[in-house]
Amino acid sequence: MTTPFDDLAAMLSDTVNDCFGETFRFEAFKPVDDVDLPTVADATRPTFEAVGIWADQSSSELPHARMGPDRRAHGWTAGHPTVLMADARMPWRPRAGDQITRLADGTVYRISKPPRPDGMGHTTIPLTDRKR
């Protein structure tokens, strides 16, 4: 039995996906015995498509350090593009090394770091642009 909070969270998730969602294709990959060889498709986890929230790569400029004119702070930061997915929409949990295609523009990404569940039924998946 679900709680009223779970029901409201599911309704909110559906509303946000309706407004901001895009479709993504998830393909599972697994490493092979030789670390120098490329990963191969994982047949135990079938390819699926699901709606998620796209967040493009972020960057920001930072002010100089306050320790004096000779000391310079790191001048900017940059983040990975991410996808926020509802756990209920994924038949299997993605992991680092899997491939995600953003169907809106056809760009292929790899999951660069382990996905981060938020404890509220969603997972943030950090991505890295796949070089061709």
Protein backbone atom coordinates (compact mmCIF):
# COMPACT_ATOMS: atom_id res chain seq x y z
CA MET A 1 0.00 0.00 0.00
CA THR A 2 1.34 3.40 -0.92
CA THR A 3 1.23 6.44 1.30
CA PRO A 4 -0.40 9.72 0.31
CA PHE A 5 3.12 11.17 -0.01
CA ASP A 6 4.06 8.45 -2.53
CA ASP A 7 0.93 9.16 -4.56
CA LEU A 8 1.61 12.92 -4.60
CA ALA A 9 5.27 12.35 -5.52
CA ALA A 10 4.21 10.15 -8.46
CA MET A 11 1.71 12.78 -9.66
CA LEU A 12 4.35 15.51 -9.40
CA SER A 13 6.87 13.37 -11.28
CA ASP A 14 4.38 12.76 -14.09
CA THR A 15 3.60 16.49 -14.31
CA VAL A 16 7.28 17.46 -14.45
CA ASN A 17 7.96 14.79 -17.10
CA ASP A 18 5.01 16.07 -19.16
CA CYS A 19 6.40 19.62 -19.06
CA PHE A 20 10.16 19.06 -19.30
CA GLY A 21 10.63 15.40 -20.23
CA GLU A 22 12.51 14.01 -23.20
CA THR A 23 12.88 10.45 -24.40
CA PHE A 24 16.20 8.65 -23.90
CA ARG A 25 17.35 5.22 -25.09
CA PHE A 26 19.32 3.18 -22.55
CA GLU A 27 21.75 0.50 -23.74
CA ALA A 28 23.58 -1.74 -21.29
CA PHE A 29 27.28 -2.46 -21.68
CA LYS A 30 29.64 -4.62 -19.67
CA PRO A 31 33.42 -4.83 -19.49
CA VAL A 32 35.31 -7.76 -20.99
CA ASP A 33 38.14 -9.70 -19.35
CA ASP A 34 40.86 -7.62 -21.05
CA VAL A 35 40.75 -4.04 -19.75
CA ASP A 36 42.28 -2.76 -23.01
CA LEU A 37 39.35 -3.96 -25.11
CA PRO A 38 36.16 -1.91 -25.52
CA THR A 39 33.05 -2.80 -23.55
CA VAL A 40 30.45 -5.05 -25.16
CA ALA A 41 26.65 -5.04 -25.12
CA ASP A 42 25.12 -6.73 -22.08
CA ALA A 43 22.38 -9.09 -23.33
CA THR A 44 21.05 -9.68 -19.80
CA ARG A 45 19.75 -6.09 -19.65
CA PRO A 46 17.58 -5.27 -22.69
CA THR A 47 17.59 -1.84 -24.34
CA PHE A 48 14.71 0.41 -23.30
CA GLU A 49 13.42 3.94 -23.86
CA ALA A 50 12.13 6.17 -21.07
CA VAL A 51 11.23 9.79 -20.41
CA GLY A 52 13.62 11.78 -18.23
CA ILE A 53 14.64 15.37 -17.48
CA TRP A 54 17.70 16.65 -19.37
CA ALA A 55 20.10 19.09 -17.67
CA ASP A 56 22.83 20.41 -19.94
CA GLN A 57 26.41 20.91 -18.87
CA SER A 58 26.71 23.81 -16.46
CA SER A 59 29.51 26.29 -15.95
CA SER A 60 30.04 29.33 -13.78
CA GLU A 61 32.70 31.94 -13.18
CA LEU A 62 34.04 32.50 -9.70
CA PRO A 63 35.51 35.69 -8.21
CA HIS A 64 39.22 35.93 -7.44
CA ALA A 65 40.44 34.76 -4.06
CA ARG A 66 40.17 37.28 -1.24
CA MET A 67 43.69 36.66 0.04
CA GLY A 68 45.30 39.45 -1.98
CA PRO A 69 45.94 40.56 -5.52
CA ASP A 70 48.65 37.93 -6.20
CA ARG A 71 46.49 34.97 -5.29
CA ARG A 72 44.08 33.80 -7.93
CA ALA A 73 41.15 31.48 -7.33
CA HIS A 74 40.12 28.80 -9.73
CA GLY A 75 38.39 30.96 -12.35
CA TRP A 76 35.50 28.70 -13.39
CA THR A 77 33.75 25.42 -12.76
CA ALA A 78 31.99 23.06 -15.13
CA GLY A 79 29.64 20.17 -14.55
CA HIS A 80 28.56 17.12 -16.48
CA PRO A 81 25.32 16.95 -18.40
CA THR A 82 22.82 14.86 -16.44
CA VAL A 83 19.52 13.04 -16.83
CA LEU A 84 17.03 12.82 -13.96
CA MET A 85 15.02 9.59 -14.24
CA ALA A 86 12.15 8.25 -12.17
CA ASP A 87 13.20 4.86 -10.82
CA ALA A 88 9.81 3.38 -11.71
CA ARG A 89 10.43 4.12 -15.41
CA MET A 90 13.63 2.03 -15.56
CA PRO A 91 13.43 -1.78 -15.80
CA TRP A 92 17.05 -2.03 -14.63
CA ARG A 93 19.35 0.37 -12.81
CA PRO A 94 21.90 2.03 -15.14
CA ARG A 95 25.53 1.92 -14.12
CA ALA A 96 28.82 3.51 -15.18
CA GLY A 97 29.77 2.45 -18.70
CA ASP A 98 26.22 2.12 -20.02
CA GLN A 99 25.22 4.20 -23.02
CA ILE A 100 22.37 6.72 -23.27
CA THR A 101 21.13 8.30 -26.50
CA ARG A 102 19.27 11.59 -26.29
CA LEU A 103 16.60 11.09 -28.96
CA ALA A 104 15.88 14.84 -29.27
CA ASP A 105 19.20 15.39 -31.06
CA GLY A 106 20.68 11.89 -31.47
CA THR A 107 23.72 12.59 -29.27
CA VAL A 108 25.24 9.48 -27.67
CA TYR A 109 26.55 9.67 -24.10
CA ARG A 110 28.23 7.26 -21.71
CA ILE A 111 27.41 7.17 -18.03
CA SER A 112 30.62 8.56 -16.59
CA LYS A 113 30.12 8.05 -12.85
CA PRO A 114 27.83 5.88 -10.76
CA PRO A 115 24.23 7.22 -10.88
CA ARG A 116 23.06 8.94 -7.70
CA PRO A 117 19.64 7.99 -6.27
CA ASP A 118 18.00 10.92 -4.46
CA GLY A 119 15.98 8.85 -2.00
CA MET A 120 12.73 10.23 -3.44
CA GLY A 121 12.25 7.74 -6.28
CA HIS A 122 14.52 9.44 -8.81
CA THR A 123 18.12 8.93 -9.94
CA THR A 124 20.50 11.55 -11.33
CA ILE A 125 22.70 10.06 -14.05
CA PRO A 126 25.95 11.95 -14.88
CA LEU A 127 26.96 11.70 -18.55
CA THR A 128 30.05 12.15 -20.69
CA ASP A 129 29.89 13.01 -24.40
CA ARG A 130 30.96 10.01 -26.42
CA LYS A 131 33.76 10.79 -28.86
CA ARG A 132 33.25 9.48 -32.37
